[in-house]
Amino acid sequence: MTSAESAVASWRAYNEVVTDLARERGWPVLDLAARAEAAPDLDALFLADGIHFTPRGLDWISGELARAIEQILAAEGAPTRNP
């Protein structure tokens, strides 16, 4: 396994543990790994190491975070901004 493959394997194992723990405790989780894998141009989001984001990936992740926060706030009845 290359170092990039090893890093991605470790990252996925870590994400699985975090996701399982959050579900057990009822914590909200934004599963960016699953969303990234469903993205149409995955290679544009990550550097060659498969872990760190490209500038385009950083734009993508900030949008995903903003949408998730807005959904949580809306579910709690808090006002949200309109795009």
PDB file of N, CA and C in Angstrom:
ATOM      1  N   MET A   1       0.848  -1.169   0.000  1.00  0.00           N
ATOM      2  CA  MET A   1       0.000   0.000   0.000  1.00  0.00           C
ATOM      3  C   MET A   1       0.900   1.240   0.000  1.00  0.00           C
ATOM      4  N   THR A   2       0.582   2.219  -0.857  1.00  0.00           N
ATOM      5  CA  THR A   2       1.363   3.453  -0.870  1.00  0.00           C
ATOM      6  C   THR A   2       1.035   4.272   0.360  1.00  0.00           C
ATOM      7  N   SER A   3       1.839   5.286   0.633  1.00  0.00           N
ATOM      8  CA  SER A   3       1.574   6.113   1.809  1.00  0.00           C
ATOM      9  C   SER A   3       0.240   6.843   1.675  1.00  0.00           C
ATOM     10  N   ALA A   4      -0.127   7.255   0.462  1.00  0.00           N
ATOM     11  CA  ALA A   4      -1.418   7.921   0.263  1.00  0.00           C
ATOM     12  C   ALA A   4      -2.562   6.943   0.525  1.00  0.00           C
ATOM     13  N   GLU A   5      -2.432   5.707   0.035  1.00  0.00           N
ATOM     14  CA  GLU A   5      -3.469   4.706   0.278  1.00  0.00           C
ATOM     15  C   GLU A   5      -3.584   4.394   1.765  1.00  0.00           C
ATOM     16  N   SER A   6      -2.455   4.309   2.437  1.00  0.00           N
ATOM     17  CA  SER A   6      -2.442   4.052   3.868  1.00  0.00           C
ATOM     18  C   SER A   6      -3.101   5.193   4.636  1.00  0.00           C
ATOM     19  N   ALA A   7      -2.823   6.416   4.232  1.00  0.00           N
ATOM     20  CA  ALA A   7      -3.418   7.583   4.889  1.00  0.00           C
ATOM     21  C   ALA A   7      -4.930   7.580   4.713  1.00  0.00           C
ATOM     22  N   VAL A   8      -5.392   7.284   3.504  1.00  0.00           N
ATOM     23  CA  VAL A   8      -6.830   7.247   3.237  1.00  0.00           C
ATOM     24  C   VAL A   8      -7.483   6.125   4.039  1.00  0.00           C
ATOM     25  N   ALA A   9      -6.845   4.974   4.136  1.00  0.00           N
ATOM     26  CA  ALA A   9      -7.391   3.858   4.915  1.00  0.00           C
ATOM     27  C   ALA A   9      -7.519   4.243   6.386  1.00  0.00           C
ATOM     28  N   SER A  10      -6.513   4.909   6.927  1.00  0.00           N
ATOM     29  CA  SER A  10      -6.563   5.364   8.330  1.00  0.00           C
ATOM     30  C   SER A  10      -7.662   6.395   8.518  1.00  0.00           C
ATOM     31  N   TRP A  11      -7.784   7.305   7.562  1.00  0.00           N
ATOM     32  CA  TRP A  11      -8.798   8.354   7.616  1.00  0.00           C
ATOM     33  C   TRP A  11     -10.197   7.741   7.619  1.00  0.00           C
ATOM     34  N   ARG A  12     -10.415   6.752   6.776  1.00  0.00           N
ATOM     35  CA  ARG A  12     -11.733   6.101   6.711  1.00  0.00           C
ATOM     36  C   ARG A  12     -12.041   5.355   8.007  1.00  0.00           C
ATOM     37  N   ALA A  13     -11.057   4.682   8.570  1.00  0.00           N
ATOM     38  CA  ALA A  13     -11.266   3.970   9.837  1.00  0.00           C
ATOM     39  C   ALA A  13     -11.605   4.958  10.956  1.00  0.00           C
ATOM     40  N   TYR A  14     -10.907   6.072  11.007  1.00  0.00           N
ATOM     41  CA  TYR A  14     -11.175   7.116  12.000  1.00  0.00           C
ATOM     42  C   TYR A  14     -12.592   7.653  11.827  1.00  0.00           C
ATOM     43  N   ASN A  15     -12.977   7.954  10.589  1.00  0.00           N
ATOM     44  CA  ASN A  15     -14.320   8.472  10.319  1.00  0.00           C
ATOM     45  C   ASN A  15     -15.402   7.495  10.764  1.00  0.00           C
ATOM     46  N   GLU A  16     -15.158   6.229  10.561  1.00  0.00           N
ATOM     47  CA  GLU A  16     -16.127   5.218  10.961  1.00  0.00           C
ATOM     48  C   GLU A  16     -16.319   5.206  12.478  1.00  0.00           C
ATOM     49  N   VAL A  17     -15.231   5.298  13.218  1.00  0.00           N
ATOM     50  CA  VAL A  17     -15.303   5.323  14.683  1.00  0.00           C
ATOM     51  C   VAL A  17     -16.051   6.570  15.153  1.00  0.00           C
ATOM     52  N   VAL A  18     -15.720   7.722  14.582  1.00  0.00           N
ATOM     53  CA  VAL A  18     -16.370   8.976  14.968  1.00  0.00           C
ATOM     54  C   VAL A  18     -17.857   8.933  14.649  1.00  0.00           C
ATOM     55  N   THR A  19     -18.210   8.456  13.474  1.00  0.00           N
ATOM     56  CA  THR A  19     -19.612   8.373  13.070  1.00  0.00           C
ATOM     57  C   THR A  19     -20.391   7.433  13.974  1.00  0.00           C
ATOM     58  N   ASP A  20     -19.822   6.278  14.292  1.00  0.00           N
ATOM     59  CA  ASP A  20     -20.487   5.322  15.182  1.00  0.00           C
ATOM     60  C   ASP A  20     -20.703   5.916  16.568  1.00  0.00           C
ATOM     61  N   LEU A  21     -19.696   6.575  17.108  1.00  0.00           N
ATOM     62  CA  LEU A  21     -19.798   7.192  18.425  1.00  0.00           C
ATOM     63  C   LEU A  21     -20.873   8.281  18.439  1.00  0.00           C
ATOM     64  N   ALA A  22     -20.894   9.094  17.415  1.00  0.00           N
ATOM     65  CA  ALA A  22     -21.891  10.163  17.333  1.00  0.00           C
ATOM     66  C   ALA A  22     -23.301   9.583  17.275  1.00  0.00           C
ATOM     67  N   ARG A  23     -23.486   8.549  16.503  1.00  0.00           N
ATOM     68  CA  ARG A  23     -24.819   7.913  16.410  1.00  0.00           C
ATOM     69  C   ARG A  23     -25.231   7.337  17.765  1.00  0.00           C
ATOM     70  N   GLU A  24     -24.286   6.675  18.445  1.00  0.00           N
ATOM     71  CA  GLU A  24     -24.575   6.103  19.763  1.00  0.00           C
ATOM     72  C   GLU A  24     -25.026   7.168  20.752  1.00  0.00           C
ATOM     73  N   ARG A  25     -24.421   8.333  20.668  1.00  0.00           N
ATOM     74  CA  ARG A  25     -24.694   9.401  21.636  1.00  0.00           C
ATOM     75  C   ARG A  25     -25.717  10.415  21.155  1.00  0.00           C
ATOM     76  N   GLY A  26     -26.215  10.239  19.945  1.00  0.00           N
ATOM     77  CA  GLY A  26     -27.227  11.140  19.419  1.00  0.00           C
ATOM     78  C   GLY A  26     -26.700  12.497  18.989  1.00  0.00           C
ATOM     79  N   TRP A  27     -25.429  12.563  18.666  1.00  0.00           N
ATOM     80  CA  TRP A  27     -24.819  13.814  18.223  1.00  0.00           C
ATOM     81  C   TRP A  27     -25.025  13.981  16.722  1.00  0.00           C
ATOM     82  N   PRO A  28     -25.225  15.218  16.280  1.00  0.00           N
ATOM     83  CA  PRO A  28     -25.325  15.419  14.825  1.00  0.00           C
ATOM     84  C   PRO A  28     -23.958  15.187  14.169  1.00  0.00           C
ATOM     85  N   VAL A  29     -23.994  14.611  12.981  1.00  0.00           N
ATOM     86  CA  VAL A  29     -22.766  14.340  12.236  1.00  0.00           C
ATOM     87  C   VAL A  29     -22.950  14.790  10.800  1.00  0.00           C
ATOM     88  N   LEU A  30     -21.984  15.493  10.301  1.00  0.00           N
ATOM     89  CA  LEU A  30     -21.950  15.831   8.883  1.00  0.00           C
ATOM     90  C   LEU A  30     -20.927  14.892   8.261  1.00  0.00           C
ATOM     91  N   ASP A  31     -21.396  13.878   7.578  1.00  0.00           N
ATOM     92  CA  ASP A  31     -20.510  12.865   7.002  1.00  0.00           C
ATOM     93  C   ASP A  31     -19.954  13.371   5.675  1.00  0.00           C
ATOM     94  N   LEU A  32     -18.896  14.167   5.783  1.00  0.00           N
ATOM     95  CA  LEU A  32     -18.283  14.731   4.585  1.00  0.00           C
ATOM     96  C   LEU A  32     -17.620  13.662   3.732  1.00  0.00           C
ATOM     97  N   ALA A  33     -17.181  12.589   4.351  1.00  0.00           N
ATOM     98  CA  ALA A  33     -16.560  11.508   3.575  1.00  0.00           C
ATOM     99  C   ALA A  33     -17.577  10.923   2.601  1.00  0.00           C
ATOM    100  N   ALA A  34     -18.779  10.639   3.079  1.00  0.00           N
ATOM    101  CA  ALA A  34     -19.812  10.090   2.207  1.00  0.00           C
ATOM    102  C   ALA A  34     -20.208  11.097   1.135  1.00  0.00           C
ATOM    103  N   ARG A  35     -20.319  12.364   1.514  1.00  0.00           N
ATOM    104  CA  ARG A  35     -20.688  13.389   0.541  1.00  0.00           C
ATOM    105  C   ARG A  35     -19.590  13.582  -0.497  1.00  0.00           C
ATOM    106  N   ALA A  36     -18.343  13.500  -0.066  1.00  0.00           N
ATOM    107  CA  ALA A  36     -17.227  13.666  -1.008  1.00  0.00           C
ATOM    108  C   ALA A  36     -17.204  12.519  -2.003  1.00  0.00           C
ATOM    109  N   GLU A  37     -17.443  11.313  -1.526  1.00  0.00           N
ATOM    110  CA  GLU A  37     -17.437  10.157  -2.424  1.00  0.00           C
ATOM    111  C   GLU A  37     -18.550  10.239  -3.457  1.00  0.00           C
ATOM    112  N   ALA A  38     -19.618  10.967  -3.135  1.00  0.00           N
ATOM    113  CA  ALA A  38     -20.725  11.136  -4.073  1.00  0.00           C
ATOM    114  C   ALA A  38     -20.528  12.342  -4.994  1.00  0.00           C
ATOM    115  N   ALA A  39     -19.488  13.127  -4.743  1.00  0.00           N
ATOM    116  CA  ALA A  39     -19.231  14.319  -5.555  1.00  0.00           C
ATOM    117  C   ALA A  39     -18.834  13.892  -6.978  1.00  0.00           C
ATOM    118  N   PRO A  40     -19.255  14.665  -7.978  1.00  0.00           N
ATOM    119  CA  PRO A  40     -18.978  14.270  -9.366  1.00  0.00           C
ATOM    120  C   PRO A  40     -17.503  14.319  -9.755  1.00  0.00           C
ATOM    121  N   ASP A  41     -16.723  15.207  -9.150  1.00  0.00           N
ATOM    122  CA  ASP A  41     -15.309  15.333  -9.526  1.00  0.00           C
ATOM    123  C   ASP A  41     -14.433  15.266  -8.275  1.00  0.00           C
ATOM    124  N   LEU A  42     -14.379  14.077  -7.692  1.00  0.00           N
ATOM    125  CA  LEU A  42     -13.663  13.856  -6.441  1.00  0.00           C
ATOM    126  C   LEU A  42     -12.202  14.282  -6.523  1.00  0.00           C
ATOM    127  N   ASP A  43     -11.547  14.015  -7.639  1.00  0.00           N
ATOM    128  CA  ASP A  43     -10.133  14.360  -7.776  1.00  0.00           C
ATOM    129  C   ASP A  43      -9.886  15.859  -7.669  1.00  0.00           C
ATOM    130  N   ALA A  44     -10.886  16.668  -7.994  1.00  0.00           N
ATOM    131  CA  ALA A  44     -10.727  18.125  -7.906  1.00  0.00           C
ATOM    132  C   ALA A  44     -10.812  18.620  -6.466  1.00  0.00           C
ATOM    133  N   LEU A  45     -11.350  17.787  -5.571  1.00  0.00           N
ATOM    134  CA  LEU A  45     -11.517  18.213  -4.181  1.00  0.00           C
ATOM    135  C   LEU A  45     -10.295  17.942  -3.313  1.00  0.00           C
ATOM    136  N   PHE A  46      -9.521  16.905  -3.669  1.00  0.00           N
ATOM    137  CA  PHE A  46      -8.420  16.477  -2.820  1.00  0.00           C
ATOM    138  C   PHE A  46      -7.063  16.576  -3.513  1.00  0.00           C
ATOM    139  N   LEU A  47      -6.049  16.824  -2.702  1.00  0.00           N
ATOM    140  CA  LEU A  47      -4.676  16.752  -3.198  1.00  0.00           C
ATOM    141  C   LEU A  47      -4.329  15.290  -3.456  1.00  0.00           C
ATOM    142  N   ALA A  48      -3.170  15.038  -3.993  1.00  0.00           N
ATOM    143  CA  ALA A  48      -2.755  13.679  -4.356  1.00  0.00           C
ATOM    144  C   ALA A  48      -2.725  12.724  -3.165  1.00  0.00           C
ATOM    145  N   ASP A  49      -2.584  13.252  -1.925  1.00  0.00           N
ATOM    146  CA  ASP A  49      -2.537  12.370  -0.759  1.00  0.00           C
ATOM    147  C   ASP A  49      -3.907  11.801  -0.393  1.00  0.00           C
ATOM    148  N   GLY A  50      -4.968  12.318  -1.015  1.00  0.00           N
ATOM    149  CA  GLY A  50      -6.305  11.812  -0.752  1.00  0.00           C
ATOM    150  C   GLY A  50      -6.903  12.246   0.573  1.00  0.00           C
ATOM    151  N   ILE A  51      -6.225  13.096   1.297  1.00  0.00           N
ATOM    152  CA  ILE A  51      -6.679  13.544   2.617  1.00  0.00           C
ATOM    153  C   ILE A  51      -6.949  15.044   2.631  1.00  0.00           C
ATOM    154  N   HIS A  52      -5.980  15.798   2.176  1.00  0.00           N
ATOM    155  CA  HIS A  52      -6.059  17.265   2.259  1.00  0.00           C
ATOM    156  C   HIS A  52      -6.803  17.841   1.058  1.00  0.00           C
ATOM    157  N   PHE A  53      -7.510  18.939   1.330  1.00  0.00           N
ATOM    158  CA  PHE A  53      -8.335  19.565   0.304  1.00  0.00           C
ATOM    159  C   PHE A  53      -7.546  20.515  -0.587  1.00  0.00           C
ATOM    160  N   THR A  54      -7.962  20.571  -1.844  1.00  0.00           N
ATOM    161  CA  THR A  54      -7.476  21.580  -2.784  1.00  0.00           C
ATOM    162  C   THR A  54      -8.237  22.876  -2.485  1.00  0.00           C
ATOM    163  N   PRO A  55      -7.863  24.006  -3.092  1.00  0.00           N
ATOM    164  CA  PRO A  55      -8.668  25.221  -2.907  1.00  0.00           C
ATOM    165  C   PRO A  55     -10.132  25.004  -3.308  1.00  0.00           C
ATOM    166  N   ARG A  56     -10.366  24.283  -4.378  1.00  0.00           N
ATOM    167  CA  ARG A  56     -11.751  23.976  -4.778  1.00  0.00           C
ATOM    168  C   ARG A  56     -12.431  23.113  -3.721  1.00  0.00           C
ATOM    169  N   GLY A  57     -11.678  22.190  -3.157  1.00  0.00           N
ATOM    170  CA  GLY A  57     -12.219  21.344  -2.093  1.00  0.00           C
ATOM    171  C   GLY A  57     -12.582  22.142  -0.853  1.00  0.00           C
ATOM    172  N   LEU A  58     -11.768  23.135  -0.523  1.00  0.00           N
ATOM    173  CA  LEU A  58     -12.071  24.000   0.620  1.00  0.00           C
ATOM    174  C   LEU A  58     -13.350  24.795   0.383  1.00  0.00           C
ATOM    175  N   ASP A  59     -13.549  25.256  -0.841  1.00  0.00           N
ATOM    176  CA  ASP A  59     -14.807  25.935  -1.185  1.00  0.00           C
ATOM    177  C   ASP A  59     -15.984  24.978  -1.017  1.00  0.00           C
ATOM    178  N   TRP A  60     -15.810  23.765  -1.492  1.00  0.00           N
ATOM    179  CA  TRP A  60     -16.863  22.762  -1.392  1.00  0.00           C
ATOM    180  C   TRP A  60     -17.201  22.479   0.071  1.00  0.00           C
ATOM    181  N   ILE A  61     -16.171  22.246   0.898  1.00  0.00           N
ATOM    182  CA  ILE A  61     -16.412  21.900   2.301  1.00  0.00           C
ATOM    183  C   ILE A  61     -17.077  23.056   3.046  1.00  0.00           C
ATOM    184  N   SER A  62     -16.715  24.294   2.737  1.00  0.00           N
ATOM    185  CA  SER A  62     -17.348  25.425   3.425  1.00  0.00           C
ATOM    186  C   SER A  62     -18.829  25.511   3.060  1.00  0.00           C
ATOM    187  N   GLY A  63     -19.173  25.210   1.825  1.00  0.00           N
ATOM    188  CA  GLY A  63     -20.574  25.188   1.427  1.00  0.00           C
ATOM    189  C   GLY A  63     -21.354  24.084   2.118  1.00  0.00           C
ATOM    190  N   GLU A  64     -20.746  22.906   2.222  1.00  0.00           N
ATOM    191  CA  GLU A  64     -21.394  21.785   2.906  1.00  0.00           C
ATOM    192  C   GLU A  64     -21.619  22.118   4.382  1.00  0.00           C
ATOM    193  N   LEU A  65     -20.630  22.712   5.014  1.00  0.00           N
ATOM    194  CA  LEU A  65     -20.766  23.092   6.427  1.00  0.00           C
ATOM    195  C   LEU A  65     -21.858  24.139   6.616  1.00  0.00           C
ATOM    196  N   ALA A  66     -21.882  25.145   5.754  1.00  0.00           N
ATOM    197  CA  ALA A  66     -22.892  26.201   5.862  1.00  0.00           C
ATOM    198  C   ALA A  66     -24.297  25.621   5.723  1.00  0.00           C
ATOM    199  N   ARG A  67     -24.487  24.725   4.747  1.00  0.00           N
ATOM    200  CA  ARG A  67     -25.813  24.119   4.562  1.00  0.00           C
ATOM    201  C   ARG A  67     -26.213  23.279   5.775  1.00  0.00           C
ATOM    202  N   ALA A  68     -25.278  22.534   6.324  1.00  0.00           N
ATOM    203  CA  ALA A  68     -25.580  21.698   7.495  1.00  0.00           C
ATOM    204  C   ALA A  68     -25.938  22.556   8.703  1.00  0.00           C
ATOM    205  N   ILE A  69     -25.208  23.621   8.913  1.00  0.00           N
ATOM    206  CA  ILE A  69     -25.496  24.513  10.043  1.00  0.00           C
ATOM    207  C   ILE A  69     -26.871  25.147   9.865  1.00  0.00           C
ATOM    208  N   GLU A  70     -27.177  25.582   8.660  1.00  0.00           N
ATOM    209  CA  GLU A  70     -28.494  26.169   8.405  1.00  0.00           C
ATOM    210  C   GLU A  70     -29.612  25.163   8.661  1.00  0.00           C
ATOM    211  N   GLN A  71     -29.404  23.909   8.299  1.00  0.00           N
ATOM    212  CA  GLN A  71     -30.426  22.884   8.541  1.00  0.00           C
ATOM    213  C   GLN A  71     -30.629  22.657  10.035  1.00  0.00           C
ATOM    214  N   ILE A  72     -29.546  22.632  10.786  1.00  0.00           N
ATOM    215  CA  ILE A  72     -29.645  22.449  12.239  1.00  0.00           C
ATOM    216  C   ILE A  72     -30.379  23.629  12.866  1.00  0.00           C
ATOM    217  N   LEU A  73     -30.017  24.836  12.458  1.00  0.00           N
ATOM    218  CA  LEU A  73     -30.677  26.023  13.002  1.00  0.00           C
ATOM    219  C   LEU A  73     -32.154  26.049  12.647  1.00  0.00           C
ATOM    220  N   ALA A  74     -32.481  25.691  11.414  1.00  0.00           N
ATOM    221  CA  ALA A  74     -33.880  25.671  10.988  1.00  0.00           C
ATOM    222  C   ALA A  74     -34.669  24.642  11.795  1.00  0.00           C
ATOM    223  N   ALA A  75     -34.070  23.491  12.060  1.00  0.00           N
ATOM    224  CA  ALA A  75     -34.745  22.453  12.840  1.00  0.00           C
ATOM    225  C   ALA A  75     -34.996  22.919  14.272  1.00  0.00           C
ATOM    226  N   GLU A  76     -34.134  23.801  14.762  1.00  0.00           N
ATOM    227  CA  GLU A  76     -34.289  24.339  16.118  1.00  0.00           C
ATOM    228  C   GLU A  76     -35.172  25.581  16.136  1.00  0.00           C
ATOM    229  N   GLY A  77     -35.632  26.009  14.958  1.00  0.00           N
ATOM    230  CA  GLY A  77     -36.504  27.179  14.884  1.00  0.00           C
ATOM    231  C   GLY A  77     -35.775  28.504  14.849  1.00  0.00           C
ATOM    232  N   ALA A  78     -34.468  28.473  14.688  1.00  0.00           N
ATOM    233  CA  ALA A  78     -33.697  29.709  14.620  1.00  0.00           C
ATOM    234  C   ALA A  78     -33.793  30.300  13.209  1.00  0.00           C
ATOM    235  N   PRO A  79     -33.773  31.608  13.090  1.00  0.00           N
ATOM    236  CA  PRO A  79     -33.804  32.204  11.755  1.00  0.00           C
ATOM    237  C   PRO A  79     -32.515  31.892  10.990  1.00  0.00           C
ATOM    238  N   THR A  80     -32.646  31.687   9.689  1.00  0.00           N
ATOM    239  CA  THR A  80     -31.492  31.452   8.816  1.00  0.00           C
ATOM    240  C   THR A  80     -31.476  32.485   7.725  1.00  0.00           C
ATOM    241  N   ARG A  81     -30.335  32.630   7.088  1.00  0.00           N
ATOM    242  CA  ARG A  81     -30.224  33.592   5.992  1.00  0.00           C
ATOM    243  C   ARG A  81     -30.828  32.992   4.740  1.00  0.00           C
ATOM    244  N   ASN A  82     -31.244  33.816   3.842  1.00  0.00           N
ATOM    245  CA  ASN A  82     -31.730  33.361   2.531  1.00  0.00           C
ATOM    246  C   ASN A  82     -30.664  33.611   1.507  1.00  0.00           C
ATOM    247  N   PRO A  83     -30.299  32.563   0.714  1.00  0.00           N
ATOM    248  CA  PRO A  83     -29.239  32.746  -0.290  1.00  0.00           C
ATOM    249  C   PRO A  83     -29.635  33.686  -1.391  1.00  0.00           C
TER     250      PRO A  83
END
